[in-house]
């Protein structure tokens, strides 16, 4: 538990970033993993698309199983 005292000078809504998604391919019985990056994650390379895949490279439908959210490289100053 944290207790703070002071005057609020700036407030914004904080949403966790999706950093990885897991998709299941029922036809092939395998899982696909996709990692997501944005401009604030410069150490991990260029930004990636934020669109979730609907099918694999062979055109088979994939189903979203799990989203992994987190906050990385955030400057709280």
PDB file of N, CA and C in Angstrom:
ATOM      1  N   UNK A   1       0.840  -1.159   0.000  1.00  0.00           N
ATOM      2  CA  UNK A   1       0.000   0.000   0.000  1.00  0.00           C
ATOM      3  C   UNK A   1       0.895   1.235   0.000  1.00  0.00           C
ATOM      4  N   UNK A   2       0.494   2.252  -0.774  1.00  0.00           N
ATOM      5  CA  UNK A   2       1.278   3.471  -0.899  1.00  0.00           C
ATOM      6  C   UNK A   2       0.407   4.650  -0.517  1.00  0.00           C
ATOM      7  N   UNK A   3       0.944   5.592   0.234  1.00  0.00           N
ATOM      8  CA  UNK A   3       0.237   6.809   0.609  1.00  0.00           C
ATOM      9  C   UNK A   3       1.022   8.005   0.079  1.00  0.00           C
ATOM     10  N   UNK A   4       0.337   8.906  -0.616  1.00  0.00           N
ATOM     11  CA  UNK A   4       0.975  10.099  -1.175  1.00  0.00           C
ATOM     12  C   UNK A   4       0.205  11.331  -0.762  1.00  0.00           C
ATOM     13  N   UNK A   5       0.909  12.438  -0.559  1.00  0.00           N
ATOM     14  CA  UNK A   5       0.283  13.722  -0.280  1.00  0.00           C
ATOM     15  C   UNK A   5       0.848  14.744  -1.240  1.00  0.00           C
ATOM     16  N   UNK A   6      -0.008  15.651  -1.722  1.00  0.00           N
ATOM     17  CA  UNK A   6       0.461  16.687  -2.621  1.00  0.00           C
ATOM     18  C   UNK A   6      -0.657  17.212  -3.489  1.00  0.00           C
ATOM     19  N   UNK A   7      -0.293  18.045  -4.458  1.00  0.00           N
ATOM     20  CA  UNK A   7      -1.249  18.641  -5.388  1.00  0.00           C
ATOM     21  C   UNK A   7      -1.079  17.985  -6.745  1.00  0.00           C
ATOM     22  N   UNK A   8      -2.176  17.531  -7.327  1.00  0.00           N
ATOM     23  CA  UNK A   8      -2.136  16.921  -8.657  1.00  0.00           C
ATOM     24  C   UNK A   8      -2.023  18.030  -9.685  1.00  0.00           C
ATOM     25  N   UNK A   9      -0.949  17.988 -10.514  1.00  0.00           N
ATOM     26  CA  UNK A   9      -0.761  19.003 -11.551  1.00  0.00           C
ATOM     27  C   UNK A   9      -0.987  18.451 -12.948  1.00  0.00           C
ATOM     28  N   UNK A  10      -0.944  17.138 -13.081  1.00  0.00           N
ATOM     29  CA  UNK A  10      -1.160  16.520 -14.386  1.00  0.00           C
ATOM     30  C   UNK A  10      -1.694  15.114 -14.150  1.00  0.00           C
ATOM     31  N   UNK A  11      -2.690  14.732 -14.930  1.00  0.00           N
ATOM     32  CA  UNK A  11      -3.282  13.410 -14.759  1.00  0.00           C
ATOM     33  C   UNK A  11      -3.642  12.865 -16.138  1.00  0.00           C
ATOM     34  N   UNK A  12      -3.380  11.596 -16.358  1.00  0.00           N
ATOM     35  CA  UNK A  12      -3.739  10.978 -17.635  1.00  0.00           C
ATOM     36  C   UNK A  12      -4.120   9.522 -17.398  1.00  0.00           C
ATOM     37  N   UNK A  13      -4.850   8.972 -18.337  1.00  0.00           N
ATOM     38  CA  UNK A  13      -5.257   7.583 -18.266  1.00  0.00           C
ATOM     39  C   UNK A  13      -4.083   6.710 -18.695  1.00  0.00           C
ATOM     40  N   UNK A  14      -3.749   5.716 -17.905  1.00  0.00           N
ATOM     41  CA  UNK A  14      -2.635   4.824 -18.218  1.00  0.00           C
ATOM     42  C   UNK A  14      -3.198   3.485 -18.643  1.00  0.00           C
ATOM     43  N   UNK A  15      -2.814   3.049 -19.822  1.00  0.00           N
ATOM     44  CA  UNK A  15      -3.242   1.752 -20.326  1.00  0.00           C
ATOM     45  C   UNK A  15      -2.006   0.889 -20.554  1.00  0.00           C
ATOM     46  N   UNK A  16      -2.043  -0.352 -20.105  1.00  0.00           N
ATOM     47  CA  UNK A  16      -0.904  -1.231 -20.379  1.00  0.00           C
ATOM     48  C   UNK A  16      -0.779  -1.496 -21.879  1.00  0.00           C
ATOM     49  N   UNK A  17       0.443  -1.696 -22.331  1.00  0.00           N
ATOM     50  CA  UNK A  17       0.688  -2.006 -23.735  1.00  0.00           C
ATOM     51  C   UNK A  17       0.641  -3.509 -23.942  1.00  0.00           C
ATOM     52  N   UNK A  18       0.104  -3.921 -25.067  1.00  0.00           N
ATOM     53  CA  UNK A  18       0.172  -5.334 -25.443  1.00  0.00           C
ATOM     54  C   UNK A  18       1.581  -5.570 -25.971  1.00  0.00           C
ATOM     55  N   UNK A  19       2.334  -6.462 -25.344  1.00  0.00           N
ATOM     56  CA  UNK A  19       3.699  -6.737 -25.773  1.00  0.00           C
ATOM     57  C   UNK A  19       3.813  -8.072 -26.496  1.00  0.00           C
ATOM     58  N   UNK A  20       2.831  -8.961 -26.295  1.00  0.00           N
ATOM     59  CA  UNK A  20       2.855 -10.249 -26.991  1.00  0.00           C
ATOM     60  C   UNK A  20       1.431 -10.788 -27.077  1.00  0.00           C
ATOM     61  N   UNK A  21       1.101 -11.452 -28.187  1.00  0.00           N
ATOM     62  CA  UNK A  21      -0.183 -12.137 -28.316  1.00  0.00           C
ATOM     63  C   UNK A  21       0.067 -13.582 -28.718  1.00  0.00           C
ATOM     64  N   UNK A  22      -0.837 -14.460 -28.293  1.00  0.00           N
ATOM     65  CA  UNK A  22      -0.739 -15.883 -28.595  1.00  0.00           C
ATOM     66  C   UNK A  22      -1.989 -16.276 -29.367  1.00  0.00           C
ATOM     67  N   UNK A  23      -1.793 -16.961 -30.494  1.00  0.00           N
ATOM     68  CA  UNK A  23      -2.898 -17.365 -31.371  1.00  0.00           C
ATOM     69  C   UNK A  23      -2.809 -18.858 -31.627  1.00  0.00           C
ATOM     70  N   UNK A  24      -3.976 -19.505 -31.689  1.00  0.00           N
ATOM     71  CA  UNK A  24      -4.028 -20.956 -31.895  1.00  0.00           C
ATOM     72  C   UNK A  24      -4.522 -21.266 -33.299  1.00  0.00           C
ATOM     73  N   UNK A  25      -3.810 -22.158 -33.984  1.00  0.00           N
ATOM     74  CA  UNK A  25      -4.193 -22.646 -35.306  1.00  0.00           C
ATOM     75  C   UNK A  25      -4.784 -24.047 -35.124  1.00  0.00           C
ATOM     76  N   UNK A  26      -6.109 -24.149 -35.188  1.00  0.00           N
ATOM     77  CA  UNK A  26      -6.785 -25.417 -34.930  1.00  0.00           C
ATOM     78  C   UNK A  26      -6.476 -26.459 -36.012  1.00  0.00           C
ATOM     79  N   UNK A  27      -6.356 -26.027 -37.257  1.00  0.00           N
ATOM     80  CA  UNK A  27      -6.101 -26.967 -38.354  1.00  0.00           C
ATOM     81  C   UNK A  27      -4.749 -27.659 -38.214  1.00  0.00           C
ATOM     82  N   UNK A  28      -3.709 -26.891 -37.828  1.00  0.00           N
ATOM     83  CA  UNK A  28      -2.360 -27.444 -37.670  1.00  0.00           C
ATOM     84  C   UNK A  28      -2.051 -27.856 -36.233  1.00  0.00           C
ATOM     85  N   UNK A  29      -2.947 -27.499 -35.290  1.00  0.00           N
ATOM     86  CA  UNK A  29      -2.774 -27.812 -33.868  1.00  0.00           C
ATOM     87  C   UNK A  29      -1.476 -27.218 -33.299  1.00  0.00           C
ATOM     88  N   UNK A  30      -1.212 -25.945 -33.655  1.00  0.00           N
ATOM     89  CA  UNK A  30      -0.014 -25.253 -33.171  1.00  0.00           C
ATOM     90  C   UNK A  30      -0.393 -23.842 -32.698  1.00  0.00           C
ATOM     91  N   UNK A  31       0.489 -23.238 -31.902  1.00  0.00           N
ATOM     92  CA  UNK A  31       0.311 -21.871 -31.431  1.00  0.00           C
ATOM     93  C   UNK A  31       1.255 -20.943 -32.184  1.00  0.00           C
ATOM     94  N   UNK A  32       0.793 -19.724 -32.449  1.00  0.00           N
ATOM     95  CA  UNK A  32       1.607 -18.669 -33.045  1.00  0.00           C
ATOM     96  C   UNK A  32       1.780 -17.573 -32.015  1.00  0.00           C
ATOM     97  N   UNK A  33       2.981 -17.012 -31.925  1.00  0.00           N
ATOM     98  CA  UNK A  33       3.272 -15.922 -31.011  1.00  0.00           C
ATOM     99  C   UNK A  33       3.647 -14.701 -31.826  1.00  0.00           C
ATOM    100  N   UNK A  34       3.180 -13.538 -31.419  1.00  0.00           N
ATOM    101  CA  UNK A  34       3.568 -12.301 -32.079  1.00  0.00           C
ATOM    102  C   UNK A  34       3.925 -11.277 -31.021  1.00  0.00           C
ATOM    103  N   UNK A  35       5.070 -10.608 -31.206  1.00  0.00           N
ATOM    104  CA  UNK A  35       5.505  -9.557 -30.289  1.00  0.00           C
ATOM    105  C   UNK A  35       5.244  -8.203 -30.928  1.00  0.00           C
ATOM    106  N   UNK A  36       4.908  -7.215 -30.095  1.00  0.00           N
ATOM    107  CA  UNK A  36       4.578  -5.878 -30.559  1.00  0.00           C
ATOM    108  C   UNK A  36       5.538  -4.868 -29.942  1.00  0.00           C
ATOM    109  N   UNK A  37       5.980  -3.901 -30.757  1.00  0.00           N
ATOM    110  CA  UNK A  37       6.875  -2.841 -30.300  1.00  0.00           C
ATOM    111  C   UNK A  37       6.330  -1.503 -30.794  1.00  0.00           C
ATOM    112  N   UNK A  38       6.635  -0.453 -30.050  1.00  0.00           N
ATOM    113  CA  UNK A  38       6.290   0.887 -30.507  1.00  0.00           C
ATOM    114  C   UNK A  38       7.508   1.801 -30.357  1.00  0.00           C
ATOM    115  N   UNK A  39       7.314   3.068 -30.603  1.00  0.00           N
ATOM    116  CA  UNK A  39       8.439   4.014 -30.614  1.00  0.00           C
ATOM    117  C   UNK A  39       9.100   4.166 -29.243  1.00  0.00           C
ATOM    118  N   UNK A  40       8.402   3.832 -28.155  1.00  0.00           N
ATOM    119  CA  UNK A  40       9.001   3.962 -26.822  1.00  0.00           C
ATOM    120  C   UNK A  40       9.901   2.785 -26.475  1.00  0.00           C
ATOM    121  N   UNK A  41       9.909   1.768 -27.307  1.00  0.00           N
ATOM    122  CA  UNK A  41      10.727   0.577 -27.065  1.00  0.00           C
ATOM    123  C   UNK A  41      11.879   0.524 -28.064  1.00  0.00           C
ATOM    124  N   UNK A  42      12.656   1.587 -28.152  1.00  0.00           N
ATOM    125  CA  UNK A  42      13.680   1.711 -29.184  1.00  0.00           C
ATOM    126  C   UNK A  42      14.774   0.658 -29.077  1.00  0.00           C
ATOM    127  N   UNK A  43      15.054   0.162 -27.893  1.00  0.00           N
ATOM    128  CA  UNK A  43      16.110  -0.838 -27.738  1.00  0.00           C
ATOM    129  C   UNK A  43      15.735  -2.169 -28.385  1.00  0.00           C
ATOM    130  N   UNK A  44      14.453  -2.390 -28.606  1.00  0.00           N
ATOM    131  CA  UNK A  44      13.992  -3.660 -29.180  1.00  0.00           C
ATOM    132  C   UNK A  44      13.827  -3.618 -30.696  1.00  0.00           C
ATOM    133  N   UNK A  45      14.188  -2.533 -31.349  1.00  0.00           N
ATOM    134  CA  UNK A  45      14.075  -2.459 -32.796  1.00  0.00           C
ATOM    135  C   UNK A  45      12.955  -1.534 -33.236  1.00  0.00           C
ATOM    136  N   UNK A  46      12.639  -1.589 -34.532  1.00  0.00           N
ATOM    137  CA  UNK A  46      11.622  -0.719 -35.122  1.00  0.00           C
ATOM    138  C   UNK A  46      10.226  -1.097 -34.646  1.00  0.00           C
ATOM    139  N   UNK A  47       9.300  -0.136 -34.754  1.00  0.00           N
ATOM    140  CA  UNK A  47       7.910  -0.374 -34.349  1.00  0.00           C
ATOM    141  C   UNK A  47       7.271  -1.427 -35.249  1.00  0.00           C
ATOM    142  N   UNK A  48       6.362  -2.203 -34.670  1.00  0.00           N
ATOM    143  CA  UNK A  48       5.662  -3.238 -35.422  1.00  0.00           C
ATOM    144  C   UNK A  48       4.200  -2.845 -35.592  1.00  0.00           C
ATOM    145  N   UNK A  49       3.490  -3.592 -36.410  1.00  0.00           N
ATOM    146  CA  UNK A  49       2.064  -3.348 -36.596  1.00  0.00           C
ATOM    147  C   UNK A  49       1.305  -3.734 -35.331  1.00  0.00           C
ATOM    148  N   UNK A  50       0.183  -3.082 -35.095  1.00  0.00           N
ATOM    149  CA  UNK A  50      -0.617  -3.390 -33.911  1.00  0.00           C
ATOM    150  C   UNK A  50      -1.845  -4.225 -34.249  1.00  0.00           C
ATOM    151  N   UNK A  51      -1.905  -4.729 -35.473  1.00  0.00           N
ATOM    152  CA  UNK A  51      -3.050  -5.527 -35.919  1.00  0.00           C
ATOM    153  C   UNK A  51      -2.826  -6.989 -35.545  1.00  0.00           C
ATOM    154  N   UNK A  52      -3.832  -7.601 -34.911  1.00  0.00           N
ATOM    155  CA  UNK A  52      -3.734  -9.011 -34.550  1.00  0.00           C
ATOM    156  C   UNK A  52      -3.937  -9.875 -35.796  1.00  0.00           C
ATOM    157  N   UNK A  53      -3.142 -10.928 -35.965  1.00  0.00           N
ATOM    158  CA  UNK A  53      -3.297 -11.777 -37.147  1.00  0.00           C
ATOM    159  C   UNK A  53      -4.623 -12.541 -37.121  1.00  0.00           C
ATOM    160  N   UNK A  54      -5.254 -12.679 -38.268  1.00  0.00           N
ATOM    161  CA  UNK A  54      -6.492 -13.432 -38.415  1.00  0.00           C
ATOM    162  C   UNK A  54      -6.241 -14.805 -39.025  1.00  0.00           C
ATOM    163  N   UNK A  55      -5.104 -14.922 -39.740  1.00  0.00           N
ATOM    164  CA  UNK A  55      -4.742 -16.194 -40.372  1.00  0.00           C
ATOM    165  C   UNK A  55      -3.230 -16.322 -40.428  1.00  0.00           C
ATOM    166  N   UNK A  56      -2.755 -17.566 -40.610  1.00  0.00           N
ATOM    167  CA  UNK A  56      -1.312 -17.802 -40.680  1.00  0.00           C
ATOM    168  C   UNK A  56      -0.819 -17.591 -42.105  1.00  0.00           C
ATOM    169  N   UNK A  57       0.470 -17.864 -42.325  1.00  0.00           N
ATOM    170  CA  UNK A  57       1.075 -17.653 -43.644  1.00  0.00           C
ATOM    171  C   UNK A  57       0.491 -18.549 -44.733  1.00  0.00           C
ATOM    172  N   UNK A  58      -0.185 -19.649 -44.350  1.00  0.00           N
ATOM    173  CA  UNK A  58      -0.815 -20.551 -45.320  1.00  0.00           C
ATOM    174  C   UNK A  58      -2.299 -20.262 -45.513  1.00  0.00           C
ATOM    175  N   UNK A  59      -2.811 -19.224 -44.861  1.00  0.00           N
ATOM    176  CA  UNK A  59      -4.211 -18.851 -45.006  1.00  0.00           C
ATOM    177  C   UNK A  59      -5.153 -19.558 -44.046  1.00  0.00           C
ATOM    178  N   UNK A  60      -4.621 -20.311 -43.091  1.00  0.00           N
ATOM    179  CA  UNK A  60      -5.459 -20.988 -42.106  1.00  0.00           C
ATOM    180  C   UNK A  60      -5.858 -20.004 -41.006  1.00  0.00           C
ATOM    181  N   UNK A  61      -7.120 -20.075 -40.575  1.00  0.00           N
ATOM    182  CA  UNK A  61      -7.626 -19.180 -39.535  1.00  0.00           C
ATOM    183  C   UNK A  61      -6.936 -19.461 -38.202  1.00  0.00           C
ATOM    184  N   UNK A  62      -6.569 -18.378 -37.496  1.00  0.00           N
ATOM    185  CA  UNK A  62      -5.991 -18.498 -36.154  1.00  0.00           C
ATOM    186  C   UNK A  62      -6.910 -17.779 -35.173  1.00  0.00           C
ATOM    187  N   UNK A  63      -6.977 -18.304 -33.952  1.00  0.00           N
ATOM    188  CA  UNK A  63      -7.846 -17.772 -32.915  1.00  0.00           C
ATOM    189  C   UNK A  63      -7.000 -17.138 -31.818  1.00  0.00           C
ATOM    190  N   UNK A  64      -7.381 -15.932 -31.379  1.00  0.00           N
ATOM    191  CA  UNK A  64      -6.667 -15.246 -30.310  1.00  0.00           C
ATOM    192  C   UNK A  64      -6.885 -15.980 -28.996  1.00  0.00           C
ATOM    193  N   UNK A  65      -5.794 -16.353 -28.331  1.00  0.00           N
ATOM    194  CA  UNK A  65      -5.876 -17.087 -27.061  1.00  0.00           C
ATOM    195  C   UNK A  65      -5.527 -16.215 -25.874  1.00  0.00           C
ATOM    196  N   UNK A  66      -4.497 -15.372 -26.016  1.00  0.00           N
ATOM    197  CA  UNK A  66      -3.991 -14.651 -24.851  1.00  0.00           C
ATOM    198  C   UNK A  66      -3.283 -13.373 -25.286  1.00  0.00           C
ATOM    199  N   UNK A  67      -3.452 -12.328 -24.493  1.00  0.00           N
ATOM    200  CA  UNK A  67      -2.697 -11.087 -24.656  1.00  0.00           C
ATOM    201  C   UNK A  67      -1.826 -10.908 -23.433  1.00  0.00           C
ATOM    202  N   UNK A  68      -0.572 -10.571 -23.651  1.00  0.00           N
ATOM    203  CA  UNK A  68       0.349 -10.320 -22.548  1.00  0.00           C
ATOM    204  C   UNK A  68       0.623  -8.823 -22.544  1.00  0.00           C
ATOM    205  N   UNK A  69       0.236  -8.161 -21.451  1.00  0.00           N
ATOM    206  CA  UNK A  69       0.376  -6.716 -21.360  1.00  0.00           C
ATOM    207  C   UNK A  69       1.475  -6.351 -20.384  1.00  0.00           C
ATOM    208  N   UNK A  70       2.056  -5.189 -20.589  1.00  0.00           N
ATOM    209  CA  UNK A  70       3.103  -4.725 -19.684  1.00  0.00           C
ATOM    210  C   UNK A  70       3.482  -3.301 -20.009  1.00  0.00           C
ATOM    211  N   UNK A  71       4.325  -2.758 -19.191  1.00  0.00           N
ATOM    212  CA  UNK A  71       4.860  -1.423 -19.410  1.00  0.00           C
ATOM    213  C   UNK A  71       6.357  -1.563 -19.468  1.00  0.00           C
ATOM    214  N   UNK A  72       6.951  -1.098 -20.566  1.00  0.00           N
ATOM    215  CA  UNK A  72       8.400  -1.210 -20.741  1.00  0.00           C
ATOM    216  C   UNK A  72       8.977   0.158 -21.064  1.00  0.00           C
ATOM    217  N   UNK A  73      10.174   0.428 -20.557  1.00  0.00           N
ATOM    218  CA  UNK A  73      10.919   1.640 -20.873  1.00  0.00           C
ATOM    219  C   UNK A  73      10.099   2.900 -20.690  1.00  0.00           C
ATOM    220  N   UNK A  74       9.413   3.017 -19.582  1.00  0.00           N
ATOM    221  CA  UNK A  74       8.570   4.177 -19.332  1.00  0.00           C
ATOM    222  C   UNK A  74       9.316   5.170 -18.453  1.00  0.00           C
ATOM    223  N   UNK A  75       9.290   6.427 -18.877  1.00  0.00           N
ATOM    224  CA  UNK A  75       9.920   7.493 -18.113  1.00  0.00           C
ATOM    225  C   UNK A  75       8.843   8.190 -17.295  1.00  0.00           C
ATOM    226  N   UNK A  76       8.906   8.103 -15.979  1.00  0.00           N
ATOM    227  CA  UNK A  76       7.898   8.679 -15.118  1.00  0.00           C
ATOM    228  C   UNK A  76       8.254  10.084 -14.628  1.00  0.00           C
ATOM    229  N   UNK A  77       9.219  10.725 -15.240  1.00  0.00           N
ATOM    230  CA  UNK A  77       9.620  12.060 -14.776  1.00  0.00           C
ATOM    231  C   UNK A  77       8.675  13.129 -15.257  1.00  0.00           C
TER     232      UNK A  77
END
